[in-house]
Amino acid sequence: MKRQRGGFAIGLIVGLLIGLALALAVALYVTKVPVPFVNKVPQRTAEQDAAETEKNKNWDPNAPLSGKSAQRPGGSASGAVSTLPAPTPAAPPVATTAPRASAPGSARDPAAILADRAPAAVKPTPAADPFVYFVQAGAYGRPEDAEQQRARLAIMGYEARITEREQSGRTMYRVRIGPFPRKDDADGAKDKLAGAGVETALVRVQK
């Protein structure tokens, strides 16, 4: 039993040493062997870097925009910049007005010209009517009867008013529609009421 334990311990230690040796060998191999696609790139020397720096010092990014004849800044000995002459402004055209030819038939008759210049005849304005007109739809001795007639006219679409007047010692209540400024309007309302069976009378009152 003691021999087996001692052999197992020795085997374990030997295995660890072999593993460490293999790992060290792999690490050395990886660091020494060149990596593909990396070491194939040519290395730049210090002279090449200095030449590239000198070349980029005078590089003008706007050179392709100015054409082939453009000079780089600092490249010319004199340093003069060529400028194009400014274009001279063209003289504005002189407007010439030709005499307008008279259109045919433009000559008018002197009588027509005098007729145009004559003042227009003033139309006579009709005289204002000095009266206003009412359509009376009845005169009643009792106010209740006058109110009934007024309500009847309101149903028909007419707005009537009740006025009082002393006649032969009695108070009469008159139901009238109006006033109308023109007699024609009063006649139209009178005819409509007559067609509806309402007895009416045209009353003229001076303004």
N, C-alpha and C. Protein backbone atom coordinates (compact mmCIF):
# COMPACT_ATOMS: atom_id res chain seq x y z
N MET A 1 0.82 -1.21 0.00
CA MET A 1 0.00 0.00 0.00
C MET A 1 0.85 1.25 0.00
N LYS A 2 1.94 1.24 0.79
CA LYS A 2 2.83 2.40 0.82
C LYS A 2 3.49 2.60 -0.53
N ARG A 3 3.83 1.48 -1.22
CA ARG A 3 4.47 1.62 -2.53
C ARG A 3 3.48 2.20 -3.56
N GLN A 4 2.27 1.77 -3.47
CA GLN A 4 1.28 2.29 -4.43
C GLN A 4 1.07 3.80 -4.23
N ARG A 5 0.98 4.22 -2.96
CA ARG A 5 0.81 5.65 -2.69
C ARG A 5 2.01 6.45 -3.16
N GLY A 6 3.20 5.93 -2.91
CA GLY A 6 4.40 6.66 -3.37
C GLY A 6 4.48 6.71 -4.87
N GLY A 7 4.08 5.63 -5.56
CA GLY A 7 4.09 5.66 -7.03
C GLY A 7 3.07 6.63 -7.60
N PHE A 8 1.90 6.73 -6.93
CA PHE A 8 0.88 7.68 -7.41
C PHE A 8 1.35 9.12 -7.26
N ALA A 9 1.98 9.44 -6.15
CA ALA A 9 2.47 10.80 -5.93
C ALA A 9 3.56 11.15 -6.92
N ILE A 10 4.47 10.21 -7.15
CA ILE A 10 5.55 10.49 -8.12
C ILE A 10 4.98 10.66 -9.51
N GLY A 11 4.00 9.82 -9.88
CA GLY A 11 3.39 9.96 -11.21
C GLY A 11 2.68 11.29 -11.39
N LEU A 12 2.02 11.74 -10.29
CA LEU A 12 1.32 13.05 -10.36
C LEU A 12 2.30 14.18 -10.56
N ILE A 13 3.39 14.15 -9.83
CA ILE A 13 4.39 15.23 -9.97
C ILE A 13 5.02 15.19 -11.36
N VAL A 14 5.33 13.99 -11.84
CA VAL A 14 5.94 13.87 -13.18
C VAL A 14 4.97 14.38 -14.24
N GLY A 15 3.67 14.10 -14.07
CA GLY A 15 2.69 14.58 -15.05
C GLY A 15 2.60 16.09 -15.07
N LEU A 16 2.64 16.72 -13.85
CA LEU A 16 2.59 18.18 -13.80
C LEU A 16 3.81 18.79 -14.46
N LEU A 17 5.00 18.19 -14.22
CA LEU A 17 6.21 18.73 -14.85
C LEU A 17 6.15 18.61 -16.37
N ILE A 18 5.65 17.47 -16.85
CA ILE A 18 5.55 17.30 -18.31
C ILE A 18 4.56 18.31 -18.90
N GLY A 19 3.44 18.56 -18.17
CA GLY A 19 2.47 19.54 -18.69
C GLY A 19 3.04 20.94 -18.74
N LEU A 20 3.79 21.32 -17.70
CA LEU A 20 4.40 22.64 -17.71
C LEU A 20 5.41 22.77 -18.83
N ALA A 21 6.16 21.69 -19.09
CA ALA A 21 7.15 21.73 -20.16
C ALA A 21 6.47 21.89 -21.51
N LEU A 22 5.38 21.16 -21.72
CA LEU A 22 4.66 21.29 -22.98
C LEU A 22 4.08 22.70 -23.15
N ALA A 23 3.52 23.27 -22.07
CA ALA A 23 2.97 24.62 -22.17
C ALA A 23 4.04 25.64 -22.48
N LEU A 24 5.21 25.51 -21.87
CA LEU A 24 6.33 26.42 -22.15
C LEU A 24 6.80 26.29 -23.59
N ALA A 25 6.84 25.03 -24.09
CA ALA A 25 7.26 24.83 -25.48
C ALA A 25 6.28 25.46 -26.46
N VAL A 26 4.99 25.33 -26.17
CA VAL A 26 3.98 25.94 -27.06
C VAL A 26 4.09 27.46 -27.04
N ALA A 27 4.31 28.05 -25.85
CA ALA A 27 4.45 29.50 -25.76
C ALA A 27 5.65 29.99 -26.54
N LEU A 28 6.77 29.30 -26.44
CA LEU A 28 7.96 29.71 -27.19
C LEU A 28 7.73 29.56 -28.69
N TYR A 29 7.03 28.55 -29.09
CA TYR A 29 6.78 28.33 -30.51
C TYR A 29 5.92 29.45 -31.09
N VAL A 30 4.89 29.83 -30.28
CA VAL A 30 3.97 30.88 -30.77
C VAL A 30 4.69 32.21 -30.89
N THR A 31 5.57 32.56 -29.96
CA THR A 31 6.26 33.84 -30.00
C THR A 31 7.36 33.90 -31.05
N LYS A 32 7.93 32.81 -31.38
CA LYS A 32 9.03 32.80 -32.34
C LYS A 32 8.57 32.64 -33.78
N VAL A 33 7.54 31.87 -34.00
CA VAL A 33 7.09 31.60 -35.37
C VAL A 33 6.38 32.86 -35.91
N PRO A 34 6.70 33.31 -37.13
CA PRO A 34 6.03 34.49 -37.70
C PRO A 34 4.55 34.22 -37.96
N VAL A 35 3.73 35.30 -37.71
CA VAL A 35 2.28 35.19 -37.92
C VAL A 35 1.97 35.41 -39.39
N PRO A 36 1.14 34.57 -40.03
CA PRO A 36 0.81 34.77 -41.45
C PRO A 36 0.09 36.10 -41.68
N PHE A 37 0.31 36.67 -42.88
CA PHE A 37 -0.33 37.90 -43.35
C PHE A 37 0.06 39.13 -42.54
N VAL A 38 0.94 38.99 -41.55
CA VAL A 38 1.37 40.14 -40.76
C VAL A 38 2.81 40.48 -41.05
N ASN A 39 3.64 39.49 -41.02
CA ASN A 39 5.06 39.73 -41.26
C ASN A 39 5.38 39.91 -42.73
N LYS A 40 4.42 39.66 -43.62
CA LYS A 40 4.67 39.85 -45.03
C LYS A 40 4.66 41.32 -45.43
N VAL A 41 4.13 42.20 -44.60
CA VAL A 41 4.09 43.63 -44.93
C VAL A 41 5.49 44.19 -44.82
N PRO A 42 5.98 44.89 -45.87
CA PRO A 42 7.34 45.43 -45.81
C PRO A 42 7.43 46.54 -44.77
N GLN A 43 8.50 46.55 -44.02
CA GLN A 43 8.73 47.55 -43.00
C GLN A 43 9.27 48.83 -43.63
N ARG A 44 8.78 50.04 -43.13
CA ARG A 44 9.20 51.33 -43.65
C ARG A 44 10.44 51.78 -42.87
N THR A 45 11.35 52.41 -43.63
CA THR A 45 12.57 52.91 -43.02
C THR A 45 12.38 54.36 -42.61
N ALA A 46 13.33 54.88 -41.85
CA ALA A 46 13.27 56.27 -41.40
C ALA A 46 13.39 57.23 -42.57
N GLU A 47 14.18 56.88 -43.62
CA GLU A 47 14.31 57.76 -44.79
C GLU A 47 12.98 57.88 -45.52
N GLN A 48 12.26 56.77 -45.63
CA GLN A 48 10.96 56.83 -46.30
C GLN A 48 9.97 57.69 -45.53
N ASP A 49 9.99 57.59 -44.20
CA ASP A 49 9.08 58.42 -43.40
C ASP A 49 9.40 59.89 -43.54
N ALA A 50 10.71 60.26 -43.59
CA ALA A 50 11.11 61.66 -43.76
C ALA A 50 10.69 62.19 -45.11
N ALA A 51 10.83 61.34 -46.18
CA ALA A 51 10.42 61.78 -47.51
C ALA A 51 8.91 61.98 -47.59
N GLU A 52 8.15 61.09 -46.94
CA GLU A 52 6.70 61.24 -46.94
C GLU A 52 6.27 62.51 -46.21
N THR A 53 6.95 62.84 -45.11
CA THR A 53 6.63 64.06 -44.36
C THR A 53 6.92 65.30 -45.19
N GLU A 54 8.04 65.32 -45.89
CA GLU A 54 8.39 66.45 -46.74
C GLU A 54 7.42 66.61 -47.89
N LYS A 55 6.95 65.49 -48.41
CA LYS A 55 5.99 65.54 -49.52
C LYS A 55 4.65 66.10 -49.06
N ASN A 56 4.20 65.69 -47.88
CA ASN A 56 2.91 66.15 -47.37
C ASN A 56 2.95 67.59 -46.87
N LYS A 57 4.13 68.16 -46.68
CA LYS A 57 4.22 69.51 -46.17
C LYS A 57 3.67 70.52 -47.18
N ASN A 58 3.90 70.32 -48.48
CA ASN A 58 3.46 71.24 -49.53
C ASN A 58 2.18 70.76 -50.22
N TRP A 59 1.49 69.83 -49.62
CA TRP A 59 0.29 69.30 -50.28
C TRP A 59 -0.87 70.27 -50.13
N ASP A 60 -1.58 70.55 -51.24
CA ASP A 60 -2.72 71.48 -51.26
C ASP A 60 -3.99 70.68 -51.52
N PRO A 61 -4.91 70.64 -50.60
CA PRO A 61 -6.13 69.84 -50.84
C PRO A 61 -7.04 70.43 -51.91
N ASN A 62 -6.88 71.74 -52.23
CA ASN A 62 -7.74 72.39 -53.24
C ASN A 62 -7.11 72.41 -54.62
N ALA A 63 -5.98 71.72 -54.77
CA ALA A 63 -5.33 71.75 -56.07
C ALA A 63 -6.17 71.12 -57.17
N PRO A 64 -6.88 70.00 -56.96
CA PRO A 64 -7.69 69.44 -58.05
C PRO A 64 -8.83 70.35 -58.49
N LEU A 65 -9.26 71.26 -57.62
CA LEU A 65 -10.37 72.13 -57.99
C LEU A 65 -9.96 73.29 -58.86
N SER A 66 -8.70 73.69 -58.82
CA SER A 66 -8.26 74.87 -59.56
C SER A 66 -7.74 74.55 -60.95
N GLY A 67 -7.70 73.28 -61.37
CA GLY A 67 -7.26 72.94 -62.71
C GLY A 67 -5.78 72.64 -62.76
N LYS A 68 -5.29 72.31 -63.96
CA LYS A 68 -3.90 71.92 -64.14
C LYS A 68 -2.95 73.09 -63.98
N SER A 69 -3.41 74.31 -64.37
CA SER A 69 -2.51 75.46 -64.35
C SER A 69 -2.36 76.08 -62.97
N ALA A 70 -3.12 75.57 -61.96
CA ALA A 70 -3.04 76.16 -60.62
C ALA A 70 -1.71 75.81 -60.00
N GLN A 71 -1.11 76.75 -59.28
CA GLN A 71 0.17 76.56 -58.65
C GLN A 71 -0.03 76.29 -57.17
N ARG A 72 0.80 75.42 -56.61
CA ARG A 72 0.73 75.14 -55.20
C ARG A 72 1.30 76.32 -54.42
N PRO A 73 0.77 76.56 -53.27
CA PRO A 73 1.30 77.69 -52.48
C PRO A 73 2.74 77.41 -52.08
N GLY A 74 3.61 78.38 -52.38
CA GLY A 74 5.02 78.23 -52.05
C GLY A 74 5.82 77.53 -53.12
N GLY A 75 5.15 76.97 -54.16
CA GLY A 75 5.87 76.24 -55.19
C GLY A 75 6.53 77.16 -56.18
N SER A 76 6.03 78.35 -56.40
CA SER A 76 6.60 79.28 -57.36
C SER A 76 7.63 80.16 -56.67
N ALA A 77 8.63 80.54 -57.43
CA ALA A 77 9.69 81.36 -56.84
C ALA A 77 9.18 82.76 -56.56
N SER A 78 8.41 83.32 -57.47
CA SER A 78 7.94 84.69 -57.28
C SER A 78 6.75 84.77 -56.34
N GLY A 79 5.96 83.68 -56.26
CA GLY A 79 4.80 83.67 -55.37
C GLY A 79 3.65 84.53 -55.89
N ALA A 80 3.65 84.91 -57.17
CA ALA A 80 2.59 85.75 -57.72
C ALA A 80 1.39 84.89 -58.07
N VAL A 81 0.23 85.43 -57.86
CA VAL A 81 -1.01 84.74 -58.15
C VAL A 81 -1.65 85.41 -59.36
N SER A 82 -1.94 84.60 -60.38
CA SER A 82 -2.53 85.16 -61.60
C SER A 82 -4.01 85.40 -61.36
N THR A 83 -4.46 86.58 -61.73
CA THR A 83 -5.88 86.95 -61.57
C THR A 83 -6.46 87.27 -62.93
N LEU A 84 -7.70 86.90 -63.14
CA LEU A 84 -8.38 87.17 -64.40
C LEU A 84 -8.94 88.59 -64.37
N PRO A 85 -8.93 89.29 -65.50
CA PRO A 85 -9.50 90.65 -65.53
C PRO A 85 -11.00 90.61 -65.30
N ALA A 86 -11.48 91.59 -64.54
CA ALA A 86 -12.91 91.65 -64.25
C ALA A 86 -13.68 92.04 -65.50
N PRO A 87 -14.80 91.38 -65.76
CA PRO A 87 -15.57 91.72 -66.96
C PRO A 87 -16.17 93.11 -66.85
N THR A 88 -16.11 93.83 -67.95
CA THR A 88 -16.68 95.19 -67.99
C THR A 88 -18.19 95.10 -68.12
N PRO A 89 -18.92 95.85 -67.30
CA PRO A 89 -20.39 95.77 -67.39
C PRO A 89 -20.90 96.34 -68.71
N ALA A 90 -21.85 95.62 -69.28
CA ALA A 90 -22.43 96.06 -70.54
C ALA A 90 -23.34 97.25 -70.32
N ALA A 91 -23.33 98.16 -71.27
CA ALA A 91 -24.16 99.36 -71.16
C ALA A 91 -25.63 98.97 -71.29
N PRO A 92 -26.50 99.54 -70.47
CA PRO A 92 -27.91 99.18 -70.57
C PRO A 92 -28.51 99.65 -71.89
N PRO A 93 -29.37 98.82 -72.46
CA PRO A 93 -29.96 99.21 -73.75
C PRO A 93 -30.85 100.44 -73.59
N VAL A 94 -30.75 101.28 -74.59
CA VAL A 94 -31.54 102.51 -74.61
C VAL A 94 -32.89 102.20 -75.23
N ALA A 95 -33.93 102.47 -74.46
CA ALA A 95 -35.28 102.19 -74.95
C ALA A 95 -35.70 103.29 -75.91
N THR A 96 -36.07 102.88 -77.07
CA THR A 96 -36.54 103.82 -78.09
C THR A 96 -38.02 103.62 -78.26
N THR A 97 -38.73 104.69 -78.15
CA THR A 97 -40.20 104.63 -78.30
C THR A 97 -40.56 105.16 -79.68
N ALA A 98 -41.19 104.31 -80.41
CA ALA A 98 -41.63 104.72 -81.74
C ALA A 98 -42.96 105.42 -81.64
N PRO A 99 -43.20 106.37 -82.46
CA PRO A 99 -44.51 107.07 -82.43
C PRO A 99 -45.63 106.09 -82.73
N ARG A 100 -46.65 106.12 -81.89
CA ARG A 100 -47.78 105.22 -82.07
C ARG A 100 -48.64 105.67 -83.24
N ALA A 101 -48.90 104.69 -84.06
CA ALA A 101 -49.73 105.01 -85.22
C ALA A 101 -51.18 105.07 -84.80
N SER A 102 -51.87 105.98 -85.31
CA SER A 102 -53.28 106.13 -84.96
C SER A 102 -54.06 104.96 -85.53
N ALA A 103 -54.88 104.36 -84.71
CA ALA A 103 -55.67 103.21 -85.15
C ALA A 103 -56.73 103.68 -86.13
N PRO A 104 -57.03 102.83 -87.10
CA PRO A 104 -58.07 103.23 -88.06
C PRO A 104 -59.42 103.38 -87.38
N GLY A 105 -60.10 104.38 -87.74
CA GLY A 105 -61.42 104.62 -87.17
C GLY A 105 -61.38 105.34 -85.83
N SER A 106 -60.17 105.84 -85.45
CA SER A 106 -60.10 106.52 -84.16
C SER A 106 -60.68 107.92 -84.22
N ALA A 107 -60.74 108.50 -85.37
CA ALA A 107 -61.32 109.84 -85.49
C ALA A 107 -62.81 109.77 -85.26
N ARG A 108 -63.32 110.60 -84.39
CA ARG A 108 -64.74 110.57 -84.04
C ARG A 108 -65.43 111.81 -84.60
N ASP A 109 -66.71 111.63 -84.69
CA ASP A 109 -67.54 112.72 -85.20
C ASP A 109 -67.58 113.84 -84.17
N PRO A 110 -67.38 115.08 -84.54
CA PRO A 110 -67.45 116.19 -83.57
C PRO A 110 -68.78 116.22 -82.84
N ALA A 111 -69.85 115.83 -83.50
CA ALA A 111 -71.16 115.84 -82.84
C ALA A 111 -71.20 114.81 -81.71
N ALA A 112 -70.53 113.64 -81.96
CA ALA A 112 -70.52 112.62 -80.90
C ALA A 112 -69.69 113.07 -79.72
N ILE A 113 -68.58 113.81 -80.02
CA ILE A 113 -67.75 114.31 -78.91
C ILE A 113 -68.53 115.31 -78.07
N LEU A 114 -69.28 116.19 -78.74
CA LEU A 114 -70.08 117.17 -77.99
C LEU A 114 -71.17 116.48 -77.19
N ALA A 115 -71.71 115.39 -77.75
CA ALA A 115 -72.76 114.67 -77.03
C ALA A 115 -72.21 114.02 -75.77
N ASP A 116 -70.93 113.52 -75.87
CA ASP A 116 -70.32 112.91 -74.68
C ASP A 116 -70.05 113.95 -73.61
N ARG A 117 -69.66 115.16 -74.04
CA ARG A 117 -69.34 116.19 -73.07
C ARG A 117 -70.57 116.84 -72.46
N ALA A 118 -71.71 116.68 -73.09
CA ALA A 118 -72.93 117.31 -72.58
C ALA A 118 -73.34 116.64 -71.27
N PRO A 119 -73.81 117.39 -70.31
CA PRO A 119 -74.22 116.78 -69.03
C PRO A 119 -75.42 115.86 -69.22
N ALA A 120 -75.40 114.75 -68.50
CA ALA A 120 -76.51 113.80 -68.60
C ALA A 120 -77.78 114.42 -68.04
N ALA A 121 -78.87 114.01 -68.64
CA ALA A 121 -80.16 114.55 -68.21
C ALA A 121 -80.49 114.00 -66.82
N VAL A 122 -80.87 114.88 -65.96
CA VAL A 122 -81.20 114.51 -64.59
C VAL A 122 -82.65 114.03 -64.56
N LYS A 123 -82.79 112.77 -64.06
CA LYS A 123 -84.14 112.23 -63.99
C LYS A 123 -84.88 112.84 -62.81
N PRO A 124 -86.10 113.22 -63.00
CA PRO A 124 -86.86 113.81 -61.88
C PRO A 124 -87.16 112.75 -60.83
N THR A 125 -86.86 113.08 -59.61
CA THR A 125 -87.14 112.16 -58.51
C THR A 125 -88.60 112.25 -58.13
N PRO A 126 -89.23 111.09 -57.91
CA PRO A 126 -90.65 111.15 -57.55
C PRO A 126 -90.84 111.82 -56.19
N ALA A 127 -91.89 112.54 -56.10
CA ALA A 127 -92.18 113.25 -54.85
C ALA A 127 -92.51 112.25 -53.76
N ALA A 128 -92.04 112.51 -52.56
CA ALA A 128 -92.28 111.62 -51.44
C ALA A 128 -93.76 111.65 -51.07
N ASP A 129 -94.26 110.45 -50.72
CA ASP A 129 -95.67 110.33 -50.36
C ASP A 129 -95.87 110.96 -48.97
N PRO A 130 -96.77 111.95 -48.85
CA PRO A 130 -96.96 112.58 -47.53
C PRO A 130 -97.84 111.78 -46.58
N PHE A 131 -98.28 110.58 -46.99
CA PHE A 131 -99.19 109.79 -46.16
C PHE A 131 -98.56 108.43 -45.85
N VAL A 132 -99.04 107.84 -44.77
CA VAL A 132 -98.77 106.44 -44.46
C VAL A 132 -100.11 105.73 -44.45
N TYR A 133 -100.07 104.39 -44.64
CA TYR A 133 -101.30 103.65 -44.87
C TYR A 133 -101.43 102.51 -43.85
N PHE A 134 -102.68 102.29 -43.41
CA PHE A 134 -103.01 101.20 -42.50
C PHE A 134 -104.11 100.37 -43.14
N VAL A 135 -104.12 99.10 -42.77
CA VAL A 135 -105.22 98.21 -43.16
C VAL A 135 -106.00 97.89 -41.88
N GLN A 136 -107.22 98.42 -41.81
CA GLN A 136 -108.04 98.23 -40.60
C GLN A 136 -108.87 96.97 -40.77
N ALA A 137 -108.73 96.04 -39.79
CA ALA A 137 -109.44 94.75 -39.87
C ALA A 137 -110.63 94.71 -38.94
N GLY A 138 -111.13 95.86 -38.50
CA GLY A 138 -112.34 95.87 -37.68
C GLY A 138 -112.24 96.89 -36.57
N ALA A 139 -113.41 97.35 -36.11
CA ALA A 139 -113.53 98.27 -34.98
C ALA A 139 -114.60 97.69 -34.05
N TYR A 140 -114.26 97.53 -32.76
CA TYR A 140 -115.14 96.82 -31.82
C TYR A 140 -115.37 97.70 -30.59
N GLY A 141 -116.57 97.49 -30.01
CA GLY A 141 -116.92 98.23 -28.81
C GLY A 141 -116.35 97.60 -27.55
N ARG A 142 -115.95 96.33 -27.60
CA ARG A 142 -115.38 95.68 -26.43
C ARG A 142 -113.94 95.30 -26.71
N PRO A 143 -113.07 95.46 -25.75
CA PRO A 143 -111.67 95.10 -25.99
C PRO A 143 -111.46 93.60 -26.18
N GLU A 144 -112.38 92.77 -25.61
CA GLU A 144 -112.24 91.32 -25.78
C GLU A 144 -112.38 90.94 -27.25
N ASP A 145 -113.34 91.57 -27.94
CA ASP A 145 -113.53 91.27 -29.36
C ASP A 145 -112.32 91.72 -30.18
N ALA A 146 -111.76 92.87 -29.81
CA ALA A 146 -110.57 93.35 -30.54
C ALA A 146 -109.39 92.40 -30.33
N GLU A 147 -109.24 91.86 -29.10
CA GLU A 147 -108.14 90.93 -28.85
C GLU A 147 -108.32 89.63 -29.63
N GLN A 148 -109.56 89.15 -29.77
CA GLN A 148 -109.79 87.94 -30.55
C GLN A 148 -109.42 88.15 -32.02
N GLN A 149 -109.79 89.32 -32.56
CA GLN A 149 -109.43 89.60 -33.95
C GLN A 149 -107.92 89.72 -34.12
N ARG A 150 -107.28 90.31 -33.14
CA ARG A 150 -105.83 90.44 -33.21
C ARG A 150 -105.15 89.06 -33.18
N ALA A 151 -105.67 88.16 -32.32
CA ALA A 151 -105.11 86.81 -32.27
C ALA A 151 -105.33 86.06 -33.58
N ARG A 152 -106.49 86.29 -34.20
CA ARG A 152 -106.77 85.63 -35.48
C ARG A 152 -105.79 86.10 -36.56
N LEU A 153 -105.50 87.38 -36.57
CA LEU A 153 -104.54 87.90 -37.55
C LEU A 153 -103.12 87.40 -37.27
N ALA A 154 -102.79 87.23 -35.99
CA ALA A 154 -101.46 86.72 -35.67
C ALA A 154 -101.27 85.30 -36.18
N ILE A 155 -102.36 84.48 -36.09
CA ILE A 155 -102.28 83.12 -36.63
C ILE A 155 -102.04 83.15 -38.14
N MET A 156 -102.59 84.14 -38.81
CA MET A 156 -102.41 84.27 -40.26
C MET A 156 -101.06 84.87 -40.63
N GLY A 157 -100.29 85.33 -39.65
CA GLY A 157 -98.95 85.87 -39.92
C GLY A 157 -98.87 87.37 -39.96
N TYR A 158 -99.89 88.07 -39.49
CA TYR A 158 -99.90 89.53 -39.49
C TYR A 158 -99.81 90.03 -38.05
N GLU A 159 -99.02 91.07 -37.87
CA GLU A 159 -98.90 91.69 -36.55
C GLU A 159 -99.79 92.94 -36.51
N ALA A 160 -100.82 92.87 -35.74
CA ALA A 160 -101.80 93.97 -35.66
C ALA A 160 -101.67 94.68 -34.32
N ARG A 161 -102.16 95.92 -34.31
CA ARG A 161 -102.16 96.73 -33.10
C ARG A 161 -103.58 97.23 -32.84
N ILE A 162 -103.87 97.41 -31.56
CA ILE A 162 -105.20 97.89 -31.16
C ILE A 162 -105.07 99.34 -30.69
N THR A 163 -105.86 100.21 -31.30
CA THR A 163 -105.88 101.63 -30.93
C THR A 163 -107.28 102.00 -30.46
N GLU A 164 -107.37 102.94 -29.54
CA GLU A 164 -108.65 103.38 -28.98
C GLU A 164 -109.00 104.77 -29.53
N ARG A 165 -110.31 104.97 -29.72
CA ARG A 165 -110.78 106.29 -30.19
C ARG A 165 -112.22 106.49 -29.73
N GLU A 166 -112.47 107.75 -29.29
CA GLU A 166 -113.83 108.12 -28.87
C GLU A 166 -114.65 108.44 -30.12
N GLN A 167 -115.79 107.81 -30.24
CA GLN A 167 -116.66 108.03 -31.38
C GLN A 167 -118.12 107.99 -30.89
N SER A 168 -118.81 109.17 -31.02
CA SER A 168 -120.22 109.31 -30.60
C SER A 168 -120.39 108.96 -29.13
N GLY A 169 -119.44 109.39 -28.33
CA GLY A 169 -119.53 109.16 -26.90
C GLY A 169 -119.17 107.75 -26.47
N ARG A 170 -118.70 106.94 -27.37
CA ARG A 170 -118.32 105.57 -27.04
C ARG A 170 -116.84 105.36 -27.39
N THR A 171 -116.21 104.45 -26.70
CA THR A 171 -114.81 104.10 -26.98
C THR A 171 -114.79 102.93 -27.94
N MET A 172 -114.15 103.13 -29.07
CA MET A 172 -114.02 102.08 -30.09
C MET A 172 -112.58 101.55 -30.10
N TYR A 173 -112.50 100.25 -30.26
CA TYR A 173 -111.19 99.59 -30.31
C TYR A 173 -110.95 99.12 -31.75
N ARG A 174 -109.97 99.77 -32.39
CA ARG A 174 -109.70 99.49 -33.79
C ARG A 174 -108.49 98.56 -33.91
N VAL A 175 -108.61 97.55 -34.78
CA VAL A 175 -107.53 96.58 -35.06
C VAL A 175 -106.95 96.93 -36.42
N ARG A 176 -105.67 97.36 -36.40
CA ARG A 176 -105.05 97.82 -37.64
C ARG A 176 -103.70 97.12 -37.86
N ILE A 177 -103.38 96.95 -39.13
CA ILE A 177 -102.09 96.39 -39.56
C ILE A 177 -101.32 97.50 -40.26
N GLY A 178 -100.09 97.71 -39.91
CA GLY A 178 -99.28 98.75 -40.53
C GLY A 178 -98.43 99.47 -39.49
N PRO A 179 -97.91 100.60 -39.86
CA PRO A 179 -98.14 101.37 -41.10
C PRO A 179 -97.31 100.85 -42.28
N PHE A 180 -97.83 101.17 -43.49
CA PHE A 180 -97.15 100.88 -44.74
C PHE A 180 -96.70 102.18 -45.37
N PRO A 181 -95.42 102.30 -45.78
CA PRO A 181 -94.98 103.57 -46.37
C PRO A 181 -95.53 103.80 -47.77
N ARG A 182 -95.95 102.73 -48.47
CA ARG A 182 -96.48 102.89 -49.82
C ARG A 182 -97.88 102.32 -49.89
N LYS A 183 -98.68 102.90 -50.76
CA LYS A 183 -100.06 102.46 -50.91
C LYS A 183 -100.14 101.08 -51.54
N ASP A 184 -99.17 100.76 -52.40
CA ASP A 184 -99.19 99.45 -53.05
C ASP A 184 -99.01 98.33 -52.02
N ASP A 185 -98.12 98.55 -51.03
CA ASP A 185 -97.94 97.53 -49.99
C ASP A 185 -99.22 97.33 -49.17
N ALA A 186 -99.86 98.43 -48.86
CA ALA A 186 -101.11 98.33 -48.10
C ALA A 186 -102.19 97.62 -48.91
N ASP A 187 -102.27 97.91 -50.20
CA ASP A 187 -103.27 97.25 -51.04
C ASP A 187 -103.00 95.74 -51.14
N GLY A 188 -101.71 95.36 -51.18
CA GLY A 188 -101.41 93.93 -51.24
C GLY A 188 -101.84 93.20 -49.99
N ALA A 189 -101.58 93.79 -48.81
CA ALA A 189 -102.03 93.16 -47.57
C ALA A 189 -103.55 93.11 -47.49
N LYS A 190 -104.22 94.16 -47.98
CA LYS A 190 -105.69 94.21 -47.95
C LYS A 190 -106.29 93.11 -48.83
N ASP A 191 -105.67 92.89 -49.99
CA ASP A 191 -106.19 91.85 -50.88
C ASP A 191 -105.98 90.45 -50.28
N LYS A 192 -104.85 90.20 -49.60
CA LYS A 192 -104.62 88.89 -48.99
C LYS A 192 -105.62 88.62 -47.87
N LEU A 193 -105.90 89.64 -47.07
CA LEU A 193 -106.88 89.45 -45.99
C LEU A 193 -108.28 89.25 -46.55
N ALA A 194 -108.60 89.95 -47.62
CA ALA A 194 -109.92 89.76 -48.24
C ALA A 194 -110.05 88.35 -48.79
N GLY A 195 -108.95 87.81 -49.35
CA GLY A 195 -109.00 86.43 -49.84
C GLY A 195 -109.18 85.42 -48.73
N ALA A 196 -108.74 85.77 -47.50
CA ALA A 196 -108.91 84.88 -46.35
C ALA A 196 -110.25 85.07 -45.65
N GLY A 197 -111.12 85.97 -46.20
CA GLY A 197 -112.44 86.18 -45.62
C GLY A 197 -112.48 87.22 -44.53
N VAL A 198 -111.49 88.11 -44.45
CA VAL A 198 -111.47 89.15 -43.42
C VAL A 198 -111.86 90.47 -44.09
N GLU A 199 -112.89 91.13 -43.54
CA GLU A 199 -113.31 92.42 -44.07
C GLU A 199 -112.34 93.50 -43.58
N THR A 200 -111.81 94.27 -44.51
CA THR A 200 -110.80 95.28 -44.19
C THR A 200 -111.15 96.59 -44.86
N ALA A 201 -110.44 97.61 -44.43
CA ALA A 201 -110.60 98.95 -45.02
C ALA A 201 -109.23 99.62 -45.04
N LEU A 202 -108.98 100.38 -46.10
CA LEU A 202 -107.69 101.09 -46.23
C LEU A 202 -107.83 102.45 -45.58
N VAL A 203 -106.92 102.76 -44.66
CA VAL A 203 -106.96 104.03 -43.93
C VAL A 203 -105.67 104.79 -44.26
N ARG A 204 -105.84 106.08 -44.64
CA ARG A 204 -104.69 106.92 -44.98
C ARG A 204 -104.52 107.97 -43.90
N VAL A 205 -103.32 108.08 -43.39
CA VAL A 205 -103.01 109.04 -42.32
C VAL A 205 -101.83 109.89 -42.78
N GLN A 206 -101.99 111.22 -42.59
CA GLN A 206 -100.93 112.11 -43.01
C GLN A 206 -99.75 111.99 -42.03
N LYS A 207 -98.56 112.09 -42.59
CA LYS A 207 -97.34 111.98 -41.77
C LYS A 207 -97.20 113.17 -40.85
